[in-house]
C-alpha atoms as a PDB file:
ATOM      1  CA  UNK A   1      -0.013  -0.036   0.045  1.00  0.00           C
ATOM      2  CA  UNK A   2       1.545   3.372  -1.030  1.00  0.00           C
ATOM      3  CA  UNK A   3      -1.059   5.827   0.639  1.00  0.00           C
ATOM      4  CA  UNK A   4      -3.740   5.795   3.220  1.00  0.00           C
ATOM      5  CA  UNK A   5      -6.183   8.614   3.757  1.00  0.00           C
ATOM      6  CA  UNK A   6      -7.254   9.230   7.424  1.00  0.00           C
ATOM      7  CA  UNK A   7     -10.645  10.758   7.843  1.00  0.00           C
ATOM      8  CA  UNK A   8     -11.538  13.399  10.669  1.00  0.00           C
ATOM      9  CA  UNK A   9      -8.123  14.101  11.865  1.00  0.00           C
ATOM     10  CA  UNK A  10      -8.061  16.404  14.668  1.00  0.00           C
ATOM     11  CA  UNK A  11      -4.590  16.576  16.143  1.00  0.00           C
ATOM     12  CA  UNK A  12      -1.005  15.596  15.417  1.00  0.00           C
ATOM     13  CA  UNK A  13      -1.476  12.773  17.869  1.00  0.00           C
ATOM     14  CA  UNK A  14      -4.200  11.259  15.615  1.00  0.00           C
ATOM     15  CA  UNK A  15      -1.460  11.134  12.962  1.00  0.00           C
ATOM     16  CA  UNK A  16       1.115   9.592  15.311  1.00  0.00           C
ATOM     17  CA  UNK A  17      -1.215   6.911  16.222  1.00  0.00           C
ATOM     18  CA  UNK A  18      -1.791   5.995  12.614  1.00  0.00           C
ATOM     19  CA  UNK A  19       1.950   5.994  11.978  1.00  0.00           C
ATOM     20  CA  UNK A  20       2.559   3.551  14.935  1.00  0.00           C
ATOM     21  CA  UNK A  21      -0.141   1.290  13.758  1.00  0.00           C
ATOM     22  CA  UNK A  22       1.151   1.271  10.218  1.00  0.00           C
ATOM     23  CA  UNK A  23       4.713   0.710  11.421  1.00  0.00           C
ATOM     24  CA  UNK A  24       3.701  -2.183  13.627  1.00  0.00           C
ATOM     25  CA  UNK A  25       1.940  -3.819  10.598  1.00  0.00           C
ATOM     26  CA  UNK A  26       4.909  -3.430   8.345  1.00  0.00           C
ATOM     27  CA  UNK A  27       3.700  -0.251   6.562  1.00  0.00           C
ATOM     28  CA  UNK A  28       6.796   1.731   7.407  1.00  0.00           C
ATOM     29  CA  UNK A  29       6.852   3.182   3.690  1.00  0.00           C
ATOM     30  CA  UNK A  30       2.969   3.955   3.618  1.00  0.00           C
ATOM     31  CA  UNK A  31       2.424   7.657   3.290  1.00  0.00           C
ATOM     32  CA  UNK A  32      -0.417   9.199   5.292  1.00  0.00           C
ATOM     33  CA  UNK A  33      -2.861  11.826   3.844  1.00  0.00           C
ATOM     34  CA  UNK A  34      -5.084  13.594   6.419  1.00  0.00           C
ATOM     35  CA  UNK A  35      -8.439  14.535   5.568  1.00  0.00           C
ATOM     36  CA  UNK A  36      -9.482  18.103   7.233  1.00  0.00           C
ATOM     37  CA  UNK A  37     -13.067  17.795   7.880  1.00  0.00           C
ATOM     38  CA  UNK A  38     -13.773  19.751  10.979  1.00  0.00           C
ATOM     39  CA  UNK A  39     -12.968  23.030  13.087  1.00  0.00           C
ATOM     40  CA  UNK A  40     -10.732  21.084  15.399  1.00  0.00           C
ATOM     41  CA  UNK A  41      -8.536  19.791  12.441  1.00  0.00           C
ATOM     42  CA  UNK A  42      -8.335  23.492  11.396  1.00  0.00           C
ATOM     43  CA  UNK A  43      -7.212  24.622  14.806  1.00  0.00           C
ATOM     44  CA  UNK A  44      -4.479  22.074  15.033  1.00  0.00           C
ATOM     45  CA  UNK A  45      -3.413  22.286  11.379  1.00  0.00           C
ATOM     46  CA  UNK A  46       0.136  23.076  11.954  1.00  0.00           C
ATOM     47  CA  UNK A  47       0.772  20.143  14.198  1.00  0.00           C
ATOM     48  CA  UNK A  48      -1.118  17.818  11.765  1.00  0.00           C
ATOM     49  CA  UNK A  49       1.039  19.136   8.777  1.00  0.00           C
ATOM     50  CA  UNK A  50       4.138  18.360  10.714  1.00  0.00           C
ATOM     51  CA  UNK A  51       3.215  14.764  11.238  1.00  0.00           C
ATOM     52  CA  UNK A  52       1.549  14.079   7.887  1.00  0.00           C
ATOM     53  CA  UNK A  53       2.780  13.373   4.367  1.00  0.00           C
ATOM     54  CA  UNK A  54      -0.132  15.427   2.856  1.00  0.00           C
ATOM     55  CA  UNK A  55      -3.511  16.810   3.567  1.00  0.00           C
ATOM     56  CA  UNK A  56      -6.920  16.912   1.722  1.00  0.00           C
ATOM     57  CA  UNK A  57      -9.747  19.472   2.424  1.00  0.00           C
ATOM     58  CA  UNK A  58     -13.059  17.624   2.657  1.00  0.00           C
ATOM     59  CA  UNK A  59     -15.050  20.764   1.563  1.00  0.00           C
ATOM     60  CA  UNK A  60     -18.362  19.208   1.954  1.00  0.00           C
ATOM     61  CA  UNK A  61     -17.791  17.916   5.439  1.00  0.00           C
ATOM     62  CA  UNK A  62     -15.972  21.135   6.467  1.00  0.00           C
ATOM     63  CA  UNK A  63     -18.942  23.081   5.223  1.00  0.00           C
ATOM     64  CA  UNK A  64     -21.029  21.409   7.596  1.00  0.00           C
ATOM     65  CA  UNK A  65     -18.735  22.083  10.546  1.00  0.00           C
ATOM     66  CA  UNK A  66     -17.874  25.954   9.943  1.00  0.00           C
ATOM     67  CA  UNK A  67     -19.890  28.588   8.038  1.00  0.00           C
ATOM     68  CA  UNK A  68     -19.919  27.770   4.260  1.00  0.00           C
ATOM     69  CA  UNK A  69     -18.591  31.069   3.547  1.00  0.00           C
ATOM     70  CA  UNK A  70     -15.467  30.405   5.471  1.00  0.00           C
ATOM     71  CA  UNK A  71     -14.603  27.138   3.753  1.00  0.00           C
ATOM     72  CA  UNK A  72     -12.727  28.725   0.904  1.00  0.00           C
ATOM     73  CA  UNK A  73     -10.666  30.861   3.370  1.00  0.00           C
ATOM     74  CA  UNK A  74      -9.961  27.811   5.478  1.00  0.00           C
ATOM     75  CA  UNK A  75      -8.711  25.958   2.461  1.00  0.00           C
ATOM     76  CA  UNK A  76      -6.405  28.929   1.505  1.00  0.00           C
ATOM     77  CA  UNK A  77      -4.937  28.980   4.814  1.00  0.00           C
ATOM     78  CA  UNK A  78      -4.244  25.294   4.795  1.00  0.00           C
ATOM     79  CA  UNK A  79      -2.388  25.431   1.519  1.00  0.00           C
ATOM     80  CA  UNK A  80      -0.238  28.521   2.132  1.00  0.00           C
END
């Protein structure tokens, strides 16, 4: 397996848990892509980015968690 997408990541600790689980199962080379789907993930985006190999913005789910007019701003904040 080359990549795994992890839903509803809220903290860097979430990513570390997935990494430990993958490592224990022989997936040391598997890359982790975190889906940012809620406000908690946005608040902790810096620590999530430090621990992950990539992020994906789940615009639909995020739009249910924060005001829809702020989704584009949140996405821009994540990618810059």
